[in-house]
Amino acid sequence: MITNQLYMKGFLVSYWSDRAMEAIQQNLQWMKEGNLQFKETTTVGFENMTAALIGILNGDNTGKAVVKV
């Protein structure tokens, strides 16, 4: 790393664990304001669970994959 002048820096969430509640409150506020949005792919029915898993493995889903039973 030194001979190639490569600089590497990481982010450890556990380092900021004392501010966890602050982060949760801020995220909730952003969700209520509509500034924080998430995507999910919903599959309906227990019988379609296999298709949902195959879709995850194929990359067909967007964001979180949810199966409603």
N, C-alpha and C. Protein backbone atom coordinates (compact mmCIF):
# COMPACT_ATOMS: atom_id res chain seq x y z
N MET A 1 0.82 -1.19 0.00
CA MET A 1 0.00 0.00 0.00
C MET A 1 0.86 1.25 0.00
N ILE A 2 1.95 1.24 0.74
CA ILE A 2 2.78 2.44 0.84
C ILE A 2 3.52 2.69 -0.46
N THR A 3 4.05 1.63 -1.09
CA THR A 3 4.82 1.84 -2.31
C THR A 3 3.95 2.32 -3.47
N ASN A 4 2.66 1.99 -3.46
CA ASN A 4 1.75 2.43 -4.52
C ASN A 4 0.99 3.69 -4.14
N GLN A 5 1.27 4.24 -2.98
CA GLN A 5 0.62 5.44 -2.47
C GLN A 5 -0.90 5.28 -2.42
N LEU A 6 -1.34 4.11 -2.01
CA LEU A 6 -2.76 3.83 -1.89
C LEU A 6 -3.22 4.22 -0.50
N TYR A 7 -4.34 4.93 -0.43
CA TYR A 7 -4.91 5.36 0.84
C TYR A 7 -6.22 4.63 1.04
N MET A 8 -6.38 3.95 2.16
CA MET A 8 -7.59 3.19 2.43
C MET A 8 -8.16 3.64 3.77
N LYS A 9 -9.46 3.90 3.77
CA LYS A 9 -10.13 4.33 4.99
C LYS A 9 -11.46 3.62 5.07
N GLY A 10 -11.81 3.17 6.26
CA GLY A 10 -13.06 2.44 6.44
C GLY A 10 -14.00 3.18 7.37
N PHE A 11 -15.22 2.69 7.43
CA PHE A 11 -16.22 3.26 8.31
C PHE A 11 -16.79 2.14 9.15
N LEU A 12 -16.59 2.19 10.45
CA LEU A 12 -17.09 1.18 11.35
C LEU A 12 -18.29 1.73 12.11
N VAL A 13 -19.43 1.11 11.91
CA VAL A 13 -20.65 1.56 12.57
C VAL A 13 -20.52 1.45 14.09
N SER A 14 -19.84 0.41 14.55
CA SER A 14 -19.70 0.20 15.99
C SER A 14 -18.94 1.35 16.66
N TYR A 15 -18.13 2.07 15.92
CA TYR A 15 -17.42 3.21 16.48
C TYR A 15 -18.39 4.31 16.91
N TRP A 16 -19.54 4.39 16.25
CA TRP A 16 -20.53 5.43 16.51
C TRP A 16 -21.72 4.90 17.30
N SER A 17 -21.59 3.77 17.99
CA SER A 17 -22.72 3.15 18.67
C SER A 17 -23.34 4.04 19.75
N ASP A 18 -22.57 4.96 20.30
CA ASP A 18 -23.12 5.86 21.32
C ASP A 18 -24.12 6.86 20.73
N ARG A 19 -24.16 6.99 19.40
CA ARG A 19 -25.09 7.92 18.73
C ARG A 19 -26.19 7.18 17.98
N ALA A 20 -26.43 5.91 18.33
CA ALA A 20 -27.41 5.09 17.62
C ALA A 20 -28.81 5.69 17.69
N MET A 21 -29.24 6.13 18.86
CA MET A 21 -30.59 6.70 19.00
C MET A 21 -30.74 7.97 18.17
N GLU A 22 -29.70 8.76 18.10
CA GLU A 22 -29.72 9.97 17.28
C GLU A 22 -29.94 9.60 15.80
N ALA A 23 -29.28 8.55 15.36
CA ALA A 23 -29.42 8.10 13.97
C ALA A 23 -30.83 7.59 13.70
N ILE A 24 -31.38 6.82 14.63
CA ILE A 24 -32.74 6.29 14.46
C ILE A 24 -33.75 7.42 14.38
N GLN A 25 -33.63 8.40 15.27
CA GLN A 25 -34.56 9.53 15.27
C GLN A 25 -34.46 10.33 13.98
N GLN A 26 -33.24 10.53 13.49
CA GLN A 26 -33.04 11.29 12.26
C GLN A 26 -33.64 10.54 11.07
N ASN A 27 -33.43 9.22 11.01
CA ASN A 27 -34.00 8.43 9.92
C ASN A 27 -35.52 8.45 9.96
N LEU A 28 -36.11 8.35 11.14
CA LEU A 28 -37.57 8.42 11.25
C LEU A 28 -38.10 9.77 10.78
N GLN A 29 -37.41 10.83 11.12
CA GLN A 29 -37.82 12.17 10.68
C GLN A 29 -37.75 12.26 9.16
N TRP A 30 -36.67 11.76 8.57
CA TRP A 30 -36.54 11.80 7.11
C TRP A 30 -37.63 10.98 6.44
N MET A 31 -38.00 9.84 7.03
CA MET A 31 -39.07 9.02 6.46
C MET A 31 -40.41 9.75 6.51
N LYS A 32 -40.70 10.41 7.63
CA LYS A 32 -41.96 11.15 7.77
C LYS A 32 -42.02 12.30 6.78
N GLU A 33 -40.88 12.95 6.52
CA GLU A 33 -40.83 14.08 5.59
C GLU A 33 -40.81 13.62 4.13
N GLY A 34 -40.60 12.32 3.91
CA GLY A 34 -40.53 11.80 2.54
C GLY A 34 -39.17 11.95 1.90
N ASN A 35 -38.16 12.32 2.69
CA ASN A 35 -36.81 12.49 2.15
C ASN A 35 -36.03 11.18 2.09
N LEU A 36 -36.46 10.21 2.84
CA LEU A 36 -35.80 8.90 2.85
C LEU A 36 -36.80 7.88 2.33
N GLN A 37 -36.51 7.33 1.18
CA GLN A 37 -37.43 6.40 0.55
C GLN A 37 -36.72 5.07 0.34
N PHE A 38 -37.49 4.01 0.31
CA PHE A 38 -36.92 2.69 0.07
C PHE A 38 -37.75 1.98 -0.98
N LYS A 39 -37.14 1.00 -1.59
CA LYS A 39 -37.82 0.22 -2.63
C LYS A 39 -37.92 -1.21 -2.15
N GLU A 40 -39.00 -1.86 -2.53
CA GLU A 40 -39.16 -3.26 -2.21
C GLU A 40 -39.94 -3.96 -3.30
N THR A 41 -39.66 -5.22 -3.47
CA THR A 41 -40.40 -6.06 -4.39
C THR A 41 -41.25 -7.00 -3.56
N THR A 42 -42.57 -6.97 -3.76
CA THR A 42 -43.49 -7.77 -2.96
C THR A 42 -44.05 -8.91 -3.79
N THR A 43 -43.94 -10.12 -3.25
CA THR A 43 -44.54 -11.30 -3.86
C THR A 43 -45.65 -11.77 -2.93
N VAL A 44 -46.83 -12.03 -3.49
CA VAL A 44 -47.99 -12.40 -2.68
C VAL A 44 -48.21 -13.90 -2.75
N GLY A 45 -48.35 -14.53 -1.59
CA GLY A 45 -48.70 -15.94 -1.52
C GLY A 45 -47.55 -16.85 -1.15
N PHE A 46 -47.82 -17.73 -0.19
CA PHE A 46 -46.83 -18.71 0.26
C PHE A 46 -46.37 -19.60 -0.89
N GLU A 47 -47.29 -19.91 -1.78
CA GLU A 47 -46.97 -20.78 -2.91
C GLU A 47 -45.99 -20.14 -3.90
N ASN A 48 -45.83 -18.84 -3.84
CA ASN A 48 -44.92 -18.13 -4.73
C ASN A 48 -43.56 -17.85 -4.09
N MET A 49 -43.32 -18.43 -2.91
CA MET A 49 -42.08 -18.18 -2.20
C MET A 49 -40.86 -18.66 -2.98
N THR A 50 -40.98 -19.79 -3.65
CA THR A 50 -39.87 -20.31 -4.46
C THR A 50 -39.54 -19.35 -5.60
N ALA A 51 -40.56 -18.85 -6.25
CA ALA A 51 -40.34 -17.88 -7.34
C ALA A 51 -39.68 -16.62 -6.83
N ALA A 52 -40.04 -16.19 -5.61
CA ALA A 52 -39.43 -15.00 -5.02
C ALA A 52 -37.95 -15.23 -4.75
N LEU A 53 -37.61 -16.41 -4.24
CA LEU A 53 -36.20 -16.74 -3.97
C LEU A 53 -35.40 -16.80 -5.26
N ILE A 54 -35.96 -17.41 -6.27
CA ILE A 54 -35.27 -17.47 -7.56
C ILE A 54 -35.09 -16.06 -8.12
N GLY A 55 -36.10 -15.20 -7.92
CA GLY A 55 -35.98 -13.81 -8.37
C GLY A 55 -34.86 -13.07 -7.66
N ILE A 56 -34.68 -13.35 -6.36
CA ILE A 56 -33.58 -12.73 -5.61
C ILE A 56 -32.24 -13.18 -6.20
N LEU A 57 -32.11 -14.47 -6.43
CA LEU A 57 -30.85 -15.01 -6.95
C LEU A 57 -30.55 -14.53 -8.37
N ASN A 58 -31.60 -14.25 -9.14
CA ASN A 58 -31.42 -13.74 -10.51
C ASN A 58 -31.24 -12.23 -10.55
N GLY A 59 -31.51 -11.55 -9.43
CA GLY A 59 -31.40 -10.10 -9.40
C GLY A 59 -32.64 -9.39 -9.93
N ASP A 60 -33.79 -10.09 -9.92
CA ASP A 60 -35.02 -9.51 -10.44
C ASP A 60 -35.65 -8.49 -9.49
N ASN A 61 -35.34 -8.61 -8.19
CA ASN A 61 -35.99 -7.73 -7.23
C ASN A 61 -35.28 -6.38 -7.13
N THR A 62 -36.01 -5.38 -6.67
CA THR A 62 -35.46 -4.05 -6.44
C THR A 62 -35.55 -3.78 -4.94
N GLY A 63 -34.43 -3.54 -4.30
CA GLY A 63 -34.43 -3.28 -2.87
C GLY A 63 -34.73 -4.53 -2.07
N LYS A 64 -35.57 -4.37 -1.07
CA LYS A 64 -35.92 -5.47 -0.18
C LYS A 64 -36.95 -6.38 -0.85
N ALA A 65 -36.77 -7.69 -0.67
CA ALA A 65 -37.73 -8.66 -1.19
C ALA A 65 -38.65 -9.10 -0.06
N VAL A 66 -39.96 -8.98 -0.26
CA VAL A 66 -40.95 -9.31 0.76
C VAL A 66 -41.92 -10.33 0.18
N VAL A 67 -42.24 -11.36 0.97
CA VAL A 67 -43.26 -12.32 0.59
C VAL A 67 -44.40 -12.19 1.58
N LYS A 68 -45.58 -11.80 1.09
CA LYS A 68 -46.77 -11.69 1.94
C LYS A 68 -47.48 -13.03 1.94
N VAL A 69 -47.66 -13.59 3.13
CA VAL A 69 -48.34 -14.88 3.27
C VAL A 69 -49.73 -14.72 3.74
